Amino acid sequence: MLSKLFFNRALTIIVTISFFISQTFVSKAFAESSFFEVKEPPRASEFIYRSSQKESLIGVQLLGAVKNPGIYYVPPQTDLLKLVTLAAGTEDADLSAVLVRKVDSSQQGVYEVDLNKLMKSTSDIKPFKLAQDDFVYVPKKEPWISNDVSRSITIVSLITSIVLTSVLIERNSK
C-alpha cells in the first residue's frame, strides 16, 4: 500500500514537471513564432549625416541586426562605431563578428571586426575607418537553443506527459 502511494505521488510529480516543461517550450515557441504576429519587414532607407552644408559625404551600406539598416551618407573617415551609433544601435547583434567589405583599392577585401573589443579598447587601437561604397553587415546572435531542438523537446515532453498521465489514471482506477 505504501509503495503504491509513493509510486502515485512520484508519477504525479513527474507528470507535473513534464507538463510545465512542455508548456514552457510551447509558449516560448509561440512567442518567437511569427504565426500570430505579422511584422513589417525592415526597410532599407537612406540617411544623411553631416556637420555642415559644404561637407563632402561618402556612401556606406549598413545591413543586419541594426535598428535602422540602410545607406548612410556620412563624412569621410567616419569610423565603424559611429556608423552603428547613427543607426540607433543594434538589435540582439553579435558584435564580435561584424563584417566589413571594402572596395577601396588600397584596402580591398572583407574584414571581420570585433566591435566589443573596439568599444573596450583604449586609445592605442585606432578606430576602423570607413570609405566610399563600404558594405557593413552586423550579424544576429545565435540562440543557445535552436528552434529544432526546442520543438523536439516540446514534443518529447508532451508525449511523456500524455503517457505518464494515462499510466497514473490506469493505476488510480484499479
N, C-alpha and C. Protein backbone atom coordinates (compact mmCIF):
# COMPACT_ATOMS: atom_id res chain seq x y z
N MET A 1 0.82 -1.19 0.00
CA MET A 1 0.00 0.00 0.00
C MET A 1 0.86 1.26 0.00
N LEU A 2 1.94 1.24 0.80
CA LEU A 2 2.83 2.38 0.88
C LEU A 2 3.58 2.58 -0.43
N SER A 3 3.99 1.49 -1.05
CA SER A 3 4.72 1.61 -2.32
C SER A 3 3.81 2.14 -3.43
N LYS A 4 2.52 1.76 -3.40
CA LYS A 4 1.58 2.26 -4.41
C LYS A 4 1.36 3.76 -4.23
N LEU A 5 1.26 4.22 -2.98
CA LEU A 5 1.09 5.63 -2.69
C LEU A 5 2.33 6.42 -3.13
N PHE A 6 3.50 5.87 -2.81
CA PHE A 6 4.76 6.51 -3.22
C PHE A 6 4.86 6.57 -4.74
N PHE A 7 4.51 5.47 -5.41
CA PHE A 7 4.56 5.43 -6.87
C PHE A 7 3.62 6.47 -7.48
N ASN A 8 2.40 6.57 -6.94
CA ASN A 8 1.42 7.54 -7.46
C ASN A 8 1.90 8.97 -7.27
N ARG A 9 2.47 9.27 -6.11
CA ARG A 9 2.98 10.63 -5.87
C ARG A 9 4.16 10.94 -6.78
N ALA A 10 5.07 9.99 -6.93
CA ALA A 10 6.22 10.20 -7.81
C ALA A 10 5.76 10.40 -9.25
N LEU A 11 4.81 9.60 -9.67
CA LEU A 11 4.28 9.71 -11.02
C LEU A 11 3.57 11.06 -11.22
N THR A 12 2.84 11.50 -10.21
CA THR A 12 2.17 12.80 -10.29
C THR A 12 3.19 13.93 -10.41
N ILE A 13 4.25 13.86 -9.65
CA ILE A 13 5.30 14.88 -9.72
C ILE A 13 5.96 14.88 -11.08
N ILE A 14 6.25 13.70 -11.60
CA ILE A 14 6.88 13.61 -12.93
C ILE A 14 5.96 14.17 -14.00
N VAL A 15 4.69 13.85 -13.94
CA VAL A 15 3.72 14.36 -14.92
C VAL A 15 3.64 15.88 -14.82
N THR A 16 3.59 16.40 -13.61
CA THR A 16 3.50 17.85 -13.42
C THR A 16 4.74 18.55 -13.98
N ILE A 17 5.91 18.03 -13.67
CA ILE A 17 7.15 18.63 -14.17
C ILE A 17 7.21 18.57 -15.69
N SER A 18 6.89 17.43 -16.27
CA SER A 18 6.94 17.33 -17.73
C SER A 18 5.89 18.22 -18.38
N PHE A 19 4.74 18.40 -17.73
CA PHE A 19 3.73 19.31 -18.26
C PHE A 19 4.24 20.75 -18.25
N PHE A 20 4.87 21.17 -17.15
CA PHE A 20 5.40 22.52 -17.09
C PHE A 20 6.52 22.73 -18.10
N ILE A 21 7.36 21.74 -18.30
CA ILE A 21 8.42 21.85 -19.31
C ILE A 21 7.82 22.00 -20.70
N SER A 22 6.82 21.18 -21.00
CA SER A 22 6.21 21.28 -22.33
C SER A 22 5.51 22.62 -22.51
N GLN A 23 4.84 23.11 -21.48
CA GLN A 23 4.16 24.41 -21.57
C GLN A 23 5.17 25.55 -21.75
N THR A 24 6.31 25.45 -21.07
CA THR A 24 7.33 26.49 -21.20
C THR A 24 7.85 26.55 -22.63
N PHE A 25 8.17 25.40 -23.20
CA PHE A 25 8.69 25.39 -24.56
C PHE A 25 7.63 25.75 -25.59
N VAL A 26 6.38 25.33 -25.36
CA VAL A 26 5.31 25.68 -26.29
C VAL A 26 5.08 27.18 -26.28
N SER A 27 5.01 27.76 -25.08
CA SER A 27 4.79 29.22 -25.01
C SER A 27 5.96 29.97 -25.59
N LYS A 28 7.18 29.47 -25.41
CA LYS A 28 8.36 30.12 -26.00
C LYS A 28 8.30 30.02 -27.52
N ALA A 29 7.92 28.87 -28.02
CA ALA A 29 7.85 28.68 -29.47
C ALA A 29 6.80 29.61 -30.08
N PHE A 30 5.65 29.74 -29.41
CA PHE A 30 4.62 30.63 -29.93
C PHE A 30 5.02 32.10 -29.80
N ALA A 31 5.75 32.43 -28.74
CA ALA A 31 6.18 33.81 -28.56
C ALA A 31 7.18 34.22 -29.64
N GLU A 32 8.06 33.29 -30.03
CA GLU A 32 9.07 33.60 -31.04
C GLU A 32 8.52 33.42 -32.46
N SER A 33 7.42 32.75 -32.57
CA SER A 33 6.86 32.46 -33.87
C SER A 33 6.21 33.70 -34.46
N SER A 34 6.30 33.81 -35.76
CA SER A 34 5.64 34.93 -36.42
C SER A 34 4.26 34.50 -36.93
N PHE A 35 3.75 33.35 -36.45
CA PHE A 35 2.47 32.84 -36.89
C PHE A 35 1.34 33.77 -36.48
N PHE A 36 1.39 34.27 -35.24
CA PHE A 36 0.32 35.11 -34.72
C PHE A 36 0.57 36.60 -34.94
N GLU A 37 1.80 36.95 -35.18
CA GLU A 37 2.14 38.35 -35.29
C GLU A 37 2.72 38.64 -36.68
N VAL A 38 2.13 39.57 -37.34
CA VAL A 38 2.63 39.94 -38.66
C VAL A 38 3.49 41.18 -38.48
N LYS A 39 4.76 41.03 -38.80
CA LYS A 39 5.69 42.15 -38.68
C LYS A 39 6.04 42.65 -40.07
N GLU A 40 6.13 43.94 -40.16
CA GLU A 40 6.56 44.53 -41.42
C GLU A 40 8.06 44.34 -41.53
N PRO A 41 8.54 43.89 -42.69
CA PRO A 41 9.98 43.68 -42.82
C PRO A 41 10.73 45.01 -42.74
N PRO A 42 11.94 44.97 -42.17
CA PRO A 42 12.69 46.21 -42.08
C PRO A 42 13.02 46.73 -43.48
N ARG A 43 12.86 48.00 -43.63
CA ARG A 43 13.11 48.60 -44.94
C ARG A 43 14.44 49.33 -44.90
N ALA A 44 15.20 49.14 -45.94
CA ALA A 44 16.45 49.88 -46.05
C ALA A 44 16.09 51.31 -46.46
N SER A 45 16.73 52.24 -45.82
CA SER A 45 16.47 53.64 -46.09
C SER A 45 17.78 54.36 -46.34
N GLU A 46 17.67 55.62 -46.68
CA GLU A 46 18.85 56.45 -46.87
C GLU A 46 18.90 57.48 -45.77
N PHE A 47 20.08 57.63 -45.17
CA PHE A 47 20.28 58.57 -44.08
C PHE A 47 21.46 59.47 -44.42
N ILE A 48 21.32 60.75 -44.13
CA ILE A 48 22.38 61.72 -44.42
C ILE A 48 22.79 62.37 -43.10
N TYR A 49 24.08 62.30 -42.78
CA TYR A 49 24.62 62.92 -41.58
C TYR A 49 25.80 63.79 -41.96
N ARG A 50 25.71 65.07 -41.66
CA ARG A 50 26.82 65.98 -41.93
C ARG A 50 26.78 67.11 -40.92
N SER A 51 27.94 67.71 -40.70
CA SER A 51 28.01 68.81 -39.75
C SER A 51 27.89 70.17 -40.42
N SER A 52 28.16 70.24 -41.73
CA SER A 52 27.98 71.49 -42.46
C SER A 52 27.47 71.20 -43.87
N GLN A 53 26.85 72.18 -44.48
CA GLN A 53 26.27 72.00 -45.82
C GLN A 53 27.32 71.68 -46.88
N LYS A 54 28.50 72.23 -46.75
CA LYS A 54 29.54 72.07 -47.78
C LYS A 54 30.40 70.83 -47.58
N GLU A 55 30.14 70.08 -46.53
CA GLU A 55 30.96 68.90 -46.24
C GLU A 55 30.67 67.79 -47.25
N SER A 56 31.71 67.18 -47.79
CA SER A 56 31.52 66.07 -48.72
C SER A 56 31.16 64.81 -47.93
N LEU A 57 30.41 63.93 -48.57
CA LEU A 57 29.94 62.72 -47.90
C LEU A 57 30.32 61.49 -48.70
N ILE A 58 30.41 60.36 -48.00
CA ILE A 58 30.63 59.06 -48.65
C ILE A 58 29.41 58.19 -48.36
N GLY A 59 29.12 57.27 -49.26
CA GLY A 59 28.00 56.36 -49.08
C GLY A 59 28.48 55.03 -48.53
N VAL A 60 27.86 54.58 -47.44
CA VAL A 60 28.20 53.31 -46.81
C VAL A 60 26.90 52.54 -46.57
N GLN A 61 26.88 51.26 -46.94
CA GLN A 61 25.69 50.43 -46.72
C GLN A 61 25.83 49.69 -45.39
N LEU A 62 24.77 49.75 -44.58
CA LEU A 62 24.76 49.09 -43.28
C LEU A 62 23.52 48.20 -43.20
N LEU A 63 23.74 46.89 -43.06
CA LEU A 63 22.64 45.93 -43.01
C LEU A 63 22.84 44.97 -41.84
N GLY A 64 21.78 44.25 -41.53
CA GLY A 64 21.86 43.23 -40.49
C GLY A 64 21.07 43.62 -39.26
N ALA A 65 21.59 43.25 -38.10
CA ALA A 65 20.88 43.41 -36.83
C ALA A 65 21.08 44.81 -36.24
N VAL A 66 20.77 45.82 -37.03
CA VAL A 66 20.78 47.20 -36.54
C VAL A 66 19.36 47.74 -36.59
N LYS A 67 19.07 48.73 -35.78
CA LYS A 67 17.70 49.25 -35.73
C LYS A 67 17.28 49.95 -37.01
N ASN A 68 18.21 50.63 -37.66
CA ASN A 68 17.89 51.36 -38.89
C ASN A 68 18.87 51.00 -40.00
N PRO A 69 18.65 49.85 -40.68
CA PRO A 69 19.55 49.49 -41.77
C PRO A 69 19.33 50.41 -42.97
N GLY A 70 20.34 50.53 -43.80
CA GLY A 70 20.17 51.35 -45.00
C GLY A 70 21.49 51.88 -45.51
N ILE A 71 21.38 52.86 -46.39
CA ILE A 71 22.55 53.53 -46.95
C ILE A 71 22.78 54.80 -46.14
N TYR A 72 23.98 54.95 -45.64
CA TYR A 72 24.33 56.11 -44.82
C TYR A 72 25.32 56.98 -45.58
N TYR A 73 24.98 58.25 -45.68
CA TYR A 73 25.89 59.23 -46.27
C TYR A 73 26.52 59.97 -45.10
N VAL A 74 27.78 59.70 -44.88
CA VAL A 74 28.50 60.21 -43.71
C VAL A 74 29.77 60.91 -44.16
N PRO A 75 30.36 61.72 -43.29
CA PRO A 75 31.63 62.36 -43.64
C PRO A 75 32.73 61.33 -43.87
N PRO A 76 33.71 61.63 -44.73
CA PRO A 76 34.84 60.71 -44.93
C PRO A 76 35.55 60.45 -43.60
N GLN A 77 36.11 59.28 -43.46
CA GLN A 77 36.83 58.86 -42.27
C GLN A 77 35.93 58.64 -41.05
N THR A 78 34.63 58.44 -41.28
CA THR A 78 33.74 58.06 -40.17
C THR A 78 34.12 56.65 -39.75
N ASP A 79 34.17 56.41 -38.45
CA ASP A 79 34.56 55.06 -38.01
C ASP A 79 33.33 54.17 -37.84
N LEU A 80 33.59 52.88 -37.72
CA LEU A 80 32.55 51.87 -37.66
C LEU A 80 31.63 52.04 -36.44
N LEU A 81 32.19 52.36 -35.30
CA LEU A 81 31.38 52.56 -34.10
C LEU A 81 30.41 53.72 -34.28
N LYS A 82 30.85 54.80 -34.89
CA LYS A 82 29.97 55.95 -35.12
C LYS A 82 28.83 55.57 -36.07
N LEU A 83 29.14 54.77 -37.10
CA LEU A 83 28.10 54.34 -38.04
C LEU A 83 27.02 53.52 -37.34
N VAL A 84 27.42 52.59 -36.49
CA VAL A 84 26.45 51.78 -35.75
C VAL A 84 25.65 52.65 -34.79
N THR A 85 26.29 53.64 -34.21
CA THR A 85 25.59 54.58 -33.33
C THR A 85 24.57 55.39 -34.12
N LEU A 86 24.93 55.84 -35.31
CA LEU A 86 24.00 56.59 -36.15
C LEU A 86 22.79 55.75 -36.55
N ALA A 87 22.97 54.44 -36.61
CA ALA A 87 21.88 53.52 -36.97
C ALA A 87 21.00 53.21 -35.76
N ALA A 88 21.14 53.96 -34.68
CA ALA A 88 20.34 53.80 -33.46
C ALA A 88 20.68 52.52 -32.72
N GLY A 89 21.88 52.01 -32.91
CA GLY A 89 22.31 50.82 -32.18
C GLY A 89 21.90 49.53 -32.85
N THR A 90 21.99 48.45 -32.08
CA THR A 90 21.75 47.12 -32.62
C THR A 90 20.55 46.47 -31.95
N GLU A 91 20.09 45.38 -32.57
CA GLU A 91 19.00 44.57 -32.02
C GLU A 91 19.47 43.13 -31.92
N ASP A 92 19.90 42.72 -30.73
CA ASP A 92 20.33 41.34 -30.49
C ASP A 92 21.42 40.93 -31.48
N ALA A 93 22.45 41.76 -31.59
CA ALA A 93 23.51 41.54 -32.57
C ALA A 93 24.72 40.86 -31.97
N ASP A 94 25.44 40.14 -32.81
CA ASP A 94 26.72 39.56 -32.44
C ASP A 94 27.80 40.55 -32.85
N LEU A 95 28.18 41.40 -31.91
CA LEU A 95 29.14 42.47 -32.23
C LEU A 95 30.57 41.97 -32.34
N SER A 96 30.80 40.70 -32.07
CA SER A 96 32.17 40.18 -32.15
C SER A 96 32.52 39.73 -33.57
N ALA A 97 31.57 39.76 -34.49
CA ALA A 97 31.85 39.26 -35.84
C ALA A 97 31.21 40.15 -36.92
N VAL A 98 31.41 41.46 -36.81
CA VAL A 98 30.87 42.39 -37.80
C VAL A 98 31.72 42.31 -39.06
N LEU A 99 31.06 42.17 -40.21
CA LEU A 99 31.78 42.05 -41.48
C LEU A 99 31.78 43.38 -42.21
N VAL A 100 32.96 43.76 -42.71
CA VAL A 100 33.10 44.99 -43.49
C VAL A 100 33.77 44.62 -44.81
N ARG A 101 33.07 44.93 -45.91
CA ARG A 101 33.65 44.70 -47.24
C ARG A 101 34.09 46.05 -47.77
N LYS A 102 35.40 46.16 -47.99
CA LYS A 102 35.97 47.40 -48.50
C LYS A 102 36.28 47.23 -49.98
N VAL A 103 35.92 48.23 -50.76
CA VAL A 103 36.17 48.18 -52.21
C VAL A 103 37.30 49.11 -52.61
N ASP A 104 37.78 49.90 -51.66
CA ASP A 104 38.91 50.79 -51.93
C ASP A 104 40.13 49.95 -52.31
N SER A 105 40.81 50.33 -53.39
CA SER A 105 41.92 49.51 -53.90
C SER A 105 43.06 49.38 -52.89
N SER A 106 43.24 50.34 -51.99
CA SER A 106 44.34 50.25 -51.02
C SER A 106 44.03 49.28 -49.88
N GLN A 107 42.75 49.02 -49.61
CA GLN A 107 42.36 48.13 -48.50
C GLN A 107 41.34 47.10 -48.94
N GLN A 108 41.29 46.76 -50.19
CA GLN A 108 40.25 45.89 -50.72
C GLN A 108 40.22 44.55 -50.00
N GLY A 109 39.00 44.07 -49.70
CA GLY A 109 38.83 42.77 -49.06
C GLY A 109 37.70 42.80 -48.06
N VAL A 110 37.51 41.66 -47.40
CA VAL A 110 36.47 41.52 -46.37
C VAL A 110 37.17 41.38 -45.03
N TYR A 111 36.74 42.19 -44.07
CA TYR A 111 37.34 42.19 -42.74
C TYR A 111 36.28 41.81 -41.71
N GLU A 112 36.71 41.04 -40.72
CA GLU A 112 35.83 40.72 -39.60
C GLU A 112 36.31 41.56 -38.42
N VAL A 113 35.42 42.39 -37.90
CA VAL A 113 35.79 43.33 -36.84
C VAL A 113 35.05 42.97 -35.56
N ASP A 114 35.77 42.94 -34.46
CA ASP A 114 35.17 42.69 -33.15
C ASP A 114 34.85 44.04 -32.51
N LEU A 115 33.59 44.46 -32.62
CA LEU A 115 33.19 45.76 -32.07
C LEU A 115 33.22 45.77 -30.55
N ASN A 116 33.03 44.62 -29.92
CA ASN A 116 33.12 44.56 -28.46
C ASN A 116 34.52 44.96 -28.00
N LYS A 117 35.53 44.41 -28.67
CA LYS A 117 36.91 44.75 -28.35
C LYS A 117 37.20 46.21 -28.66
N LEU A 118 36.68 46.66 -29.77
CA LEU A 118 36.90 48.04 -30.20
C LEU A 118 36.29 49.02 -29.20
N MET A 119 35.12 48.69 -28.66
CA MET A 119 34.47 49.57 -27.68
C MET A 119 35.22 49.60 -26.36
N LYS A 120 35.81 48.48 -25.98
CA LYS A 120 36.50 48.39 -24.70
C LYS A 120 37.95 48.85 -24.77
N SER A 121 38.46 49.04 -25.98
CA SER A 121 39.88 49.36 -26.12
C SER A 121 40.17 50.79 -25.72
N THR A 122 41.42 51.00 -25.40
CA THR A 122 41.87 52.36 -25.10
C THR A 122 42.35 53.00 -26.39
N SER A 123 42.97 54.13 -26.29
CA SER A 123 43.36 54.89 -27.48
C SER A 123 44.50 54.24 -28.28
N ASP A 124 45.11 53.16 -27.78
CA ASP A 124 46.21 52.54 -28.52
C ASP A 124 45.76 51.79 -29.77
N ILE A 125 44.47 51.46 -29.88
CA ILE A 125 43.95 50.81 -31.08
C ILE A 125 43.22 51.86 -31.90
N LYS A 126 43.64 52.01 -33.17
CA LYS A 126 42.98 53.04 -33.98
C LYS A 126 41.62 52.53 -34.45
N PRO A 127 40.63 53.44 -34.52
CA PRO A 127 39.28 53.04 -34.94
C PRO A 127 39.27 52.58 -36.40
N PHE A 128 38.32 51.72 -36.71
CA PHE A 128 38.18 51.19 -38.06
C PHE A 128 37.45 52.23 -38.90
N LYS A 129 38.17 52.89 -39.81
CA LYS A 129 37.61 53.96 -40.64
C LYS A 129 36.93 53.38 -41.88
N LEU A 130 35.85 54.03 -42.29
CA LEU A 130 35.09 53.60 -43.46
C LEU A 130 35.43 54.48 -44.66
N ALA A 131 35.19 53.94 -45.85
CA ALA A 131 35.46 54.68 -47.09
C ALA A 131 34.25 54.53 -48.01
N GLN A 132 34.27 55.25 -49.13
CA GLN A 132 33.19 55.23 -50.10
C GLN A 132 32.84 53.81 -50.53
N ASP A 133 31.55 53.50 -50.56
CA ASP A 133 30.99 52.23 -51.01
C ASP A 133 31.34 51.02 -50.13
N ASP A 134 31.76 51.25 -48.90
CA ASP A 134 31.98 50.13 -47.99
C ASP A 134 30.62 49.51 -47.66
N PHE A 135 30.65 48.22 -47.36
CA PHE A 135 29.46 47.46 -47.02
C PHE A 135 29.68 46.87 -45.64
N VAL A 136 28.76 47.13 -44.70
CA VAL A 136 28.89 46.65 -43.32
C VAL A 136 27.70 45.76 -43.00
N TYR A 137 28.00 44.56 -42.49
CA TYR A 137 26.95 43.62 -42.09
C TYR A 137 27.14 43.26 -40.62
N VAL A 138 26.10 43.51 -39.81
CA VAL A 138 26.11 43.18 -38.39
C VAL A 138 25.25 41.93 -38.20
N PRO A 139 25.87 40.76 -37.90
CA PRO A 139 25.09 39.52 -37.79
C PRO A 139 24.27 39.47 -36.50
N LYS A 140 23.24 38.66 -36.54
CA LYS A 140 22.37 38.44 -35.38
C LYS A 140 22.99 37.38 -34.48
N LYS A 141 22.77 37.47 -33.17
CA LYS A 141 23.27 36.45 -32.24
C LYS A 141 22.54 35.14 -32.48
N GLU A 142 23.26 34.05 -32.37
CA GLU A 142 22.67 32.73 -32.48
C GLU A 142 22.03 32.36 -31.14
N PRO A 143 20.80 31.84 -31.12
CA PRO A 143 20.19 31.44 -29.85
C PRO A 143 20.91 30.23 -29.26
N TRP A 144 20.88 30.11 -27.94
CA TRP A 144 21.59 29.00 -27.31
C TRP A 144 20.88 27.68 -27.52
N ILE A 145 19.58 27.72 -27.83
CA ILE A 145 18.85 26.51 -28.23
C ILE A 145 18.20 26.82 -29.57
N SER A 146 18.47 25.98 -30.55
CA SER A 146 17.88 26.21 -31.87
C SER A 146 16.39 25.90 -31.84
N ASN A 147 15.68 26.39 -32.83
CA ASN A 147 14.23 26.14 -32.91
C ASN A 147 13.93 24.66 -33.07
N ASP A 148 14.78 23.92 -33.79
CA ASP A 148 14.56 22.49 -33.97
C ASP A 148 14.68 21.73 -32.65
N VAL A 149 15.70 22.07 -31.87
CA VAL A 149 15.88 21.41 -30.57
C VAL A 149 14.72 21.75 -29.64
N SER A 150 14.32 23.00 -29.64
CA SER A 150 13.20 23.44 -28.80
C SER A 150 11.92 22.70 -29.19
N ARG A 151 11.68 22.57 -30.47
CA ARG A 151 10.49 21.86 -30.95
C ARG A 151 10.55 20.39 -30.54
N SER A 152 11.72 19.76 -30.66
CA SER A 152 11.87 18.35 -30.28
C SER A 152 11.63 18.14 -28.80
N ILE A 153 12.18 19.01 -27.96
CA ILE A 153 11.98 18.90 -26.52
C ILE A 153 10.50 19.06 -26.17
N THR A 154 9.84 19.98 -26.84
CA THR A 154 8.41 20.20 -26.60
C THR A 154 7.61 18.96 -26.94
N ILE A 155 7.87 18.35 -28.07
CA ILE A 155 7.13 17.16 -28.50
C ILE A 155 7.40 15.98 -27.55
N VAL A 156 8.66 15.77 -27.19
CA VAL A 156 9.00 14.66 -26.30
C VAL A 156 8.35 14.85 -24.93
N SER A 157 8.40 16.08 -24.39
CA SER A 157 7.81 16.29 -23.07
C SER A 157 6.29 16.19 -23.12
N LEU A 158 5.69 16.59 -24.22
CA LEU A 158 4.24 16.46 -24.36
C LEU A 158 3.83 14.99 -24.42
N ILE A 159 4.55 14.19 -25.20
CA ILE A 159 4.27 12.75 -25.28
C ILE A 159 4.48 12.09 -23.93
N THR A 160 5.55 12.47 -23.23
CA THR A 160 5.82 11.93 -21.90
C THR A 160 4.69 12.26 -20.94
N SER A 161 4.19 13.49 -21.01
CA SER A 161 3.07 13.89 -20.15
C SER A 161 1.84 13.04 -20.42
N ILE A 162 1.55 12.82 -21.68
CA ILE A 162 0.37 12.03 -22.04
C ILE A 162 0.51 10.59 -21.56
N VAL A 163 1.67 9.99 -21.79
CA VAL A 163 1.89 8.59 -21.39
C VAL A 163 1.83 8.46 -19.87
N LEU A 164 2.52 9.34 -19.16
CA LEU A 164 2.52 9.23 -17.70
C LEU A 164 1.15 9.52 -17.10
N THR A 165 0.41 10.43 -17.69
CA THR A 165 -0.95 10.70 -17.22
C THR A 165 -1.84 9.48 -17.40
N SER A 166 -1.71 8.83 -18.55
CA SER A 166 -2.53 7.63 -18.78
C SER A 166 -2.14 6.51 -17.82
N VAL A 167 -0.87 6.38 -17.51
CA VAL A 167 -0.43 5.36 -16.53
C VAL A 167 -1.00 5.68 -15.16
N LEU A 168 -0.95 6.95 -14.80
CA LEU A 168 -1.47 7.37 -13.50
C LEU A 168 -2.99 7.14 -13.41
N ILE A 169 -3.71 7.44 -14.44
CA ILE A 169 -5.15 7.22 -14.45
C ILE A 169 -5.47 5.73 -14.36
N GLU A 170 -4.71 4.92 -15.08
CA GLU A 170 -4.93 3.47 -15.04
C GLU A 170 -4.65 2.89 -13.65
N ARG A 171 -3.59 3.38 -13.02
CA ARG A 171 -3.23 2.89 -11.67
C ARG A 171 -4.31 3.28 -10.64
N ASN A 172 -4.80 4.52 -10.77
CA ASN A 172 -5.78 5.00 -9.78
C ASN A 172 -7.16 4.39 -10.00
N SER A 173 -7.44 3.92 -11.19
CA SER A 173 -8.76 3.33 -11.46
C SER A 173 -8.88 1.90 -10.94
N LYS A 174 -7.78 1.26 -10.58
CA LYS A 174 -7.80 -0.13 -10.08
C LYS A 174 -8.18 -0.20 -8.65
